[in-house]
Amino acid sequence: MKRHIGFVYFACVLGMATWSHSQAIPTASRLGGRIQVGVGGTFVAPDYTTETAKGLAVYGDYDFSRHLGVEADVHFASMITPNGVGENTYLIGPRYTYRHQRLNVYGKFLFGIGEIEFKPPSFATASTSTYAAYAIGGGLDVRATHHINVRAIDFQLQKWPGFAPNGLSPSAITVGVAYVFH
């Protein structure tokens, strides 16, 4: 009889296990962070001439948390240059993002190098010079889908302090699209 009572107790304990929700809390979780890689068209007011240079921008963001991250971008604004003067920049730096529903408003401070190109036929020979550069900027990304962001506007006010006696102060506007890795 004792053996039957022990068996009944054991069967009851096993039967109640599904009701007790006794599963362990998951110990593995996704690391914090979000990566975004994008491409867009860029328009640069070069500050060296009055003509707007046009080209391609490639950018990438890594967000450590909901608000803080880092951005790297490259502006190839020497593709379409009506007067033969193009400017390329290679910049990286911190970024702060405010997220509200589908909108990501951000500000950033980037530093790196700027490259100015003088091209024929406007100039006798092609030449390129490189300078230290930094930029302050911001913009708006709009989430189109779970993995696609549209860069509605990105603005940068750049400063190239080593150029000529007073430096160079180009401004760049970029619009584009990015893929988001969650």
C-alpha atoms as a PDB file:
ATOM      1  CA  MET A   1       0.000   0.000   0.000  1.00  0.00           C
ATOM      2  CA  LYS A   2       2.821   2.399   0.831  1.00  0.00           C
ATOM      3  CA  ARG A   3       4.278   1.747  -2.594  1.00  0.00           C
ATOM      4  CA  HIS A   4       0.942   2.672  -4.275  1.00  0.00           C
ATOM      5  CA  ILE A   5       0.625   5.917  -2.279  1.00  0.00           C
ATOM      6  CA  GLY A   6       4.221   6.859  -3.229  1.00  0.00           C
ATOM      7  CA  PHE A   7       3.424   6.134  -6.866  1.00  0.00           C
ATOM      8  CA  VAL A   8       0.288   8.330  -6.725  1.00  0.00           C
ATOM      9  CA  TYR A   9       2.258  11.205  -5.148  1.00  0.00           C
ATOM     10  CA  PHE A  10       4.931  10.883  -7.816  1.00  0.00           C
ATOM     11  CA  ALA A  11       2.301  10.862 -10.623  1.00  0.00           C
ATOM     12  CA  CYS A  12       0.627  13.974  -9.136  1.00  0.00           C
ATOM     13  CA  VAL A  13       3.919  15.887  -8.970  1.00  0.00           C
ATOM     14  CA  LEU A  14       4.725  15.018 -12.589  1.00  0.00           C
ATOM     15  CA  GLY A  15       1.199  15.921 -13.690  1.00  0.00           C
ATOM     16  CA  MET A  16       1.344  19.345 -12.036  1.00  0.00           C
ATOM     17  CA  ALA A  17       4.726  20.281 -13.553  1.00  0.00           C
ATOM     18  CA  THR A  18       3.075  21.745 -16.646  1.00  0.00           C
ATOM     19  CA  TRP A  19       0.845  23.947 -14.474  1.00  0.00           C
ATOM     20  CA  SER A  20       3.667  25.275 -12.344  1.00  0.00           C
ATOM     21  CA  HIS A  21       5.477  27.085 -15.185  1.00  0.00           C
ATOM     22  CA  SER A  22       8.728  25.913 -13.773  1.00  0.00           C
ATOM     23  CA  GLN A  23      10.788  26.611 -16.871  1.00  0.00           C
ATOM     24  CA  ALA A  24      13.986  28.538 -16.388  1.00  0.00           C
ATOM     25  CA  ILE A  25      14.185  32.123 -17.563  1.00  0.00           C
ATOM     26  CA  PRO A  26      16.176  32.265 -20.813  1.00  0.00           C
ATOM     27  CA  THR A  27      19.811  32.981 -20.080  1.00  0.00           C
ATOM     28  CA  ALA A  28      20.880  33.826 -23.609  1.00  0.00           C
ATOM     29  CA  SER A  29      19.789  37.114 -25.072  1.00  0.00           C
ATOM     30  CA  ARG A  30      20.694  39.271 -28.046  1.00  0.00           C
ATOM     31  CA  LEU A  31      23.546  41.638 -27.452  1.00  0.00           C
ATOM     32  CA  GLY A  32      22.554  45.288 -27.352  1.00  0.00           C
ATOM     33  CA  GLY A  33      23.080  47.132 -30.565  1.00  0.00           C
ATOM     34  CA  ARG A  34      21.709  47.824 -33.973  1.00  0.00           C
ATOM     35  CA  ILE A  35      23.596  48.194 -37.227  1.00  0.00           C
ATOM     36  CA  GLN A  36      22.418  50.244 -40.181  1.00  0.00           C
ATOM     37  CA  VAL A  37      24.222  50.407 -43.542  1.00  0.00           C
ATOM     38  CA  GLY A  38      23.045  52.787 -46.213  1.00  0.00           C
ATOM     39  CA  VAL A  39      23.712  54.615 -49.448  1.00  0.00           C
ATOM     40  CA  GLY A  40      22.399  57.896 -50.777  1.00  0.00           C
ATOM     41  CA  GLY A  41      22.838  60.872 -53.000  1.00  0.00           C
ATOM     42  CA  THR A  42      24.827  63.777 -51.608  1.00  0.00           C
ATOM     43  CA  PHE A  43      24.901  67.448 -52.547  1.00  0.00           C
ATOM     44  CA  VAL A  44      27.812  69.547 -51.313  1.00  0.00           C
ATOM     45  CA  ALA A  45      28.130  73.328 -51.308  1.00  0.00           C
ATOM     46  CA  PRO A  46      31.934  73.249 -51.477  1.00  0.00           C
ATOM     47  CA  ASP A  47      32.731  76.756 -50.181  1.00  0.00           C
ATOM     48  CA  TYR A  48      35.609  76.824 -52.687  1.00  0.00           C
ATOM     49  CA  THR A  49      33.320  77.638 -55.620  1.00  0.00           C
ATOM     50  CA  THR A  50      29.668  78.560 -56.031  1.00  0.00           C
ATOM     51  CA  GLU A  51      28.679  75.405 -57.947  1.00  0.00           C
ATOM     52  CA  THR A  52      27.134  72.470 -56.067  1.00  0.00           C
ATOM     53  CA  ALA A  53      29.047  69.206 -56.303  1.00  0.00           C
ATOM     54  CA  LYS A  54      27.007  66.010 -56.446  1.00  0.00           C
ATOM     55  CA  GLY A  55      27.862  62.427 -55.742  1.00  0.00           C
ATOM     56  CA  LEU A  56      27.362  59.359 -53.615  1.00  0.00           C
ATOM     57  CA  ALA A  57      27.361  58.898 -49.838  1.00  0.00           C
ATOM     58  CA  VAL A  58      27.856  55.623 -47.997  1.00  0.00           C
ATOM     59  CA  TYR A  59      27.115  55.494 -44.267  1.00  0.00           C
ATOM     60  CA  GLY A  60      26.943  53.065 -41.416  1.00  0.00           C
ATOM     61  CA  ASP A  61      25.644  53.371 -37.865  1.00  0.00           C
ATOM     62  CA  TYR A  62      26.104  51.208 -34.806  1.00  0.00           C
ATOM     63  CA  ASP A  63      23.829  52.035 -31.861  1.00  0.00           C
ATOM     64  CA  PHE A  64      25.137  50.802 -28.499  1.00  0.00           C
ATOM     65  CA  SER A  65      21.894  51.679 -26.752  1.00  0.00           C
ATOM     66  CA  ARG A  66      18.562  53.256 -27.584  1.00  0.00           C
ATOM     67  CA  HIS A  67      20.117  56.733 -27.811  1.00  0.00           C
ATOM     68  CA  LEU A  68      23.909  56.455 -28.161  1.00  0.00           C
ATOM     69  CA  GLY A  69      25.931  55.157 -31.052  1.00  0.00           C
ATOM     70  CA  VAL A  70      28.596  55.858 -33.619  1.00  0.00           C
ATOM     71  CA  GLU A  71      28.331  56.813 -37.284  1.00  0.00           C
ATOM     72  CA  ALA A  72      30.818  56.563 -40.113  1.00  0.00           C
ATOM     73  CA  ASP A  73      30.193  58.132 -43.483  1.00  0.00           C
ATOM     74  CA  VAL A  74      31.973  58.728 -46.740  1.00  0.00           C
ATOM     75  CA  HIS A  75      30.888  61.457 -49.158  1.00  0.00           C
ATOM     76  CA  PHE A  76      32.143  61.108 -52.727  1.00  0.00           C
ATOM     77  CA  ALA A  77      31.098  64.574 -53.907  1.00  0.00           C
ATOM     78  CA  SER A  78      33.557  64.627 -56.769  1.00  0.00           C
ATOM     79  CA  MET A  79      31.436  62.624 -59.209  1.00  0.00           C
ATOM     80  CA  ILE A  80      29.491  65.497 -60.785  1.00  0.00           C
ATOM     81  CA  THR A  81      31.470  68.730 -60.561  1.00  0.00           C
ATOM     82  CA  PRO A  82      30.404  71.470 -62.994  1.00  0.00           C
ATOM     83  CA  ASN A  83      33.568  73.491 -62.357  1.00  0.00           C
ATOM     84  CA  GLY A  84      36.079  70.670 -61.836  1.00  0.00           C
ATOM     85  CA  VAL A  85      36.326  70.981 -58.040  1.00  0.00           C
ATOM     86  CA  GLY A  86      35.192  67.981 -56.015  1.00  0.00           C
ATOM     87  CA  GLU A  87      35.287  67.211 -52.310  1.00  0.00           C
ATOM     88  CA  ASN A  88      35.345  63.815 -50.604  1.00  0.00           C
ATOM     89  CA  THR A  89      35.152  63.251 -46.854  1.00  0.00           C
ATOM     90  CA  TYR A  90      35.819  60.214 -44.654  1.00  0.00           C
ATOM     91  CA  LEU A  91      34.346  60.867 -41.203  1.00  0.00           C
ATOM     92  CA  ILE A  92      33.473  58.948 -38.023  1.00  0.00           C
ATOM     93  CA  GLY A  93      32.181  59.948 -34.603  1.00  0.00           C
ATOM     94  CA  PRO A  94      29.526  59.758 -31.887  1.00  0.00           C
ATOM     95  CA  ARG A  95      25.816  60.104 -32.547  1.00  0.00           C
ATOM     96  CA  TYR A  96      22.785  60.710 -30.327  1.00  0.00           C
ATOM     97  CA  THR A  97      19.380  59.474 -31.539  1.00  0.00           C
ATOM     98  CA  TYR A  98      15.896  60.297 -30.277  1.00  0.00           C
ATOM     99  CA  ARG A  99      13.373  57.673 -31.383  1.00  0.00           C
ATOM    100  CA  HIS A 100       9.642  58.308 -31.581  1.00  0.00           C
ATOM    101  CA  GLN A 101       7.446  55.726 -33.298  1.00  0.00           C
ATOM    102  CA  ARG A 102       8.824  55.461 -36.859  1.00  0.00           C
ATOM    103  CA  LEU A 103      11.019  58.564 -36.643  1.00  0.00           C
ATOM    104  CA  ASN A 104      14.693  58.641 -35.636  1.00  0.00           C
ATOM    105  CA  VAL A 105      15.989  62.184 -35.142  1.00  0.00           C
ATOM    106  CA  TYR A 106      19.740  62.329 -34.573  1.00  0.00           C
ATOM    107  CA  GLY A 107      22.647  64.654 -34.009  1.00  0.00           C
ATOM    108  CA  LYS A 108      26.301  63.810 -34.569  1.00  0.00           C
ATOM    109  CA  PHE A 109      29.846  65.114 -34.321  1.00  0.00           C
ATOM    110  CA  LEU A 110      32.235  63.525 -36.809  1.00  0.00           C
ATOM    111  CA  PHE A 111      35.929  63.882 -37.477  1.00  0.00           C
ATOM    112  CA  GLY A 112      38.338  62.504 -40.054  1.00  0.00           C
ATOM    113  CA  ILE A 113      39.795  63.721 -43.332  1.00  0.00           C
ATOM    114  CA  GLY A 114      38.638  65.791 -46.273  1.00  0.00           C
ATOM    115  CA  GLU A 115      40.009  65.528 -49.767  1.00  0.00           C
ATOM    116  CA  ILE A 116      39.723  68.233 -52.420  1.00  0.00           C
ATOM    117  CA  GLU A 117      40.138  67.330 -56.082  1.00  0.00           C
ATOM    118  CA  PHE A 118      40.910  69.678 -58.954  1.00  0.00           C
ATOM    119  CA  LYS A 119      40.065  68.090 -62.334  1.00  0.00           C
ATOM    120  CA  PRO A 120      40.689  68.947 -65.977  1.00  0.00           C
ATOM    121  CA  PRO A 121      39.458  70.597 -68.160  1.00  0.00           C
ATOM    122  CA  SER A 122      38.869  73.360 -65.588  1.00  0.00           C
ATOM    123  CA  PHE A 123      42.439  72.877 -64.320  1.00  0.00           C
ATOM    124  CA  ALA A 124      45.569  72.114 -66.358  1.00  0.00           C
ATOM    125  CA  THR A 125      46.424  68.985 -64.362  1.00  0.00           C
ATOM    126  CA  ALA A 126      44.482  66.832 -61.942  1.00  0.00           C
ATOM    127  CA  SER A 127      45.533  67.178 -58.308  1.00  0.00           C
ATOM    128  CA  THR A 128      44.287  66.072 -54.903  1.00  0.00           C
ATOM    129  CA  SER A 129      45.017  67.481 -51.444  1.00  0.00           C
ATOM    130  CA  THR A 130      44.039  65.988 -48.078  1.00  0.00           C
ATOM    131  CA  TYR A 131      43.210  67.886 -44.869  1.00  0.00           C
ATOM    132  CA  ALA A 132      41.907  67.182 -41.390  1.00  0.00           C
ATOM    133  CA  ALA A 133      38.169  67.748 -41.187  1.00  0.00           C
ATOM    134  CA  TYR A 134      35.328  67.667 -38.689  1.00  0.00           C
ATOM    135  CA  ALA A 135      31.580  68.076 -39.001  1.00  0.00           C
ATOM    136  CA  ILE A 136      28.565  68.735 -36.848  1.00  0.00           C
ATOM    137  CA  GLY A 137      25.264  67.582 -38.198  1.00  0.00           C
ATOM    138  CA  GLY A 138      21.988  65.825 -37.797  1.00  0.00           C
ATOM    139  CA  GLY A 139      19.057  64.437 -39.626  1.00  0.00           C
ATOM    140  CA  LEU A 140      15.951  62.313 -39.783  1.00  0.00           C
ATOM    141  CA  ASP A 141      15.612  58.602 -40.588  1.00  0.00           C
ATOM    142  CA  VAL A 142      12.109  57.210 -41.157  1.00  0.00           C
ATOM    143  CA  ARG A 143      11.490  53.499 -40.609  1.00  0.00           C
ATOM    144  CA  ALA A 144       9.766  52.223 -43.756  1.00  0.00           C
ATOM    145  CA  THR A 145       9.785  48.527 -42.781  1.00  0.00           C
ATOM    146  CA  HIS A 146      11.347  46.420 -40.033  1.00  0.00           C
ATOM    147  CA  HIS A 147      14.659  46.335 -41.927  1.00  0.00           C
ATOM    148  CA  ILE A 148      14.523  49.439 -44.179  1.00  0.00           C
ATOM    149  CA  ASN A 149      15.107  53.047 -43.093  1.00  0.00           C
ATOM    150  CA  VAL A 150      14.747  56.033 -45.396  1.00  0.00           C
ATOM    151  CA  ARG A 151      17.210  58.833 -44.681  1.00  0.00           C
ATOM    152  CA  ALA A 152      14.835  61.711 -45.316  1.00  0.00           C
ATOM    153  CA  ILE A 153      17.516  64.328 -44.655  1.00  0.00           C
ATOM    154  CA  ASP A 154      21.044  64.416 -43.315  1.00  0.00           C
ATOM    155  CA  PHE A 155      22.844  67.732 -42.972  1.00  0.00           C
ATOM    156  CA  GLN A 156      26.491  68.312 -42.145  1.00  0.00           C
ATOM    157  CA  LEU A 157      28.304  71.577 -41.584  1.00  0.00           C
ATOM    158  CA  GLN A 158      31.954  70.690 -42.153  1.00  0.00           C
ATOM    159  CA  LYS A 159      35.134  72.517 -41.250  1.00  0.00           C
ATOM    160  CA  TRP A 160      38.541  71.874 -42.813  1.00  0.00           C
ATOM    161  CA  PRO A 161      40.822  74.038 -40.643  1.00  0.00           C
ATOM    162  CA  GLY A 162      44.100  73.329 -42.490  1.00  0.00           C
ATOM    163  CA  PHE A 163      42.912  74.473 -45.925  1.00  0.00           C
ATOM    164  CA  ALA A 164      44.454  77.785 -47.067  1.00  0.00           C
ATOM    165  CA  PRO A 165      44.652  80.621 -44.560  1.00  0.00           C
ATOM    166  CA  ASN A 166      41.049  80.562 -43.258  1.00  0.00           C
ATOM    167  CA  GLY A 167      40.049  76.922 -43.717  1.00  0.00           C
ATOM    168  CA  LEU A 168      37.191  75.558 -45.742  1.00  0.00           C
ATOM    169  CA  SER A 169      33.557  75.291 -44.580  1.00  0.00           C
ATOM    170  CA  PRO A 170      31.522  73.115 -46.941  1.00  0.00           C
ATOM    171  CA  SER A 171      28.010  71.916 -46.136  1.00  0.00           C
ATOM    172  CA  ALA A 172      26.548  68.595 -47.268  1.00  0.00           C
ATOM    173  CA  ILE A 173      23.008  67.305 -47.621  1.00  0.00           C
ATOM    174  CA  THR A 174      22.309  63.594 -48.111  1.00  0.00           C
ATOM    175  CA  VAL A 175      19.144  61.591 -48.788  1.00  0.00           C
ATOM    176  CA  GLY A 176      19.187  57.829 -49.007  1.00  0.00           C
ATOM    177  CA  VAL A 177      18.050  54.397 -47.885  1.00  0.00           C
ATOM    178  CA  ALA A 178      19.552  51.925 -45.398  1.00  0.00           C
ATOM    179  CA  TYR A 179      19.225  48.301 -44.358  1.00  0.00           C
ATOM    180  CA  VAL A 180      18.924  47.694 -40.610  1.00  0.00           C
ATOM    181  CA  PHE A 181      20.367  44.582 -38.915  1.00  0.00           C
ATOM    182  CA  HIS A 182      18.614  43.842 -35.592  1.00  0.00           C
END
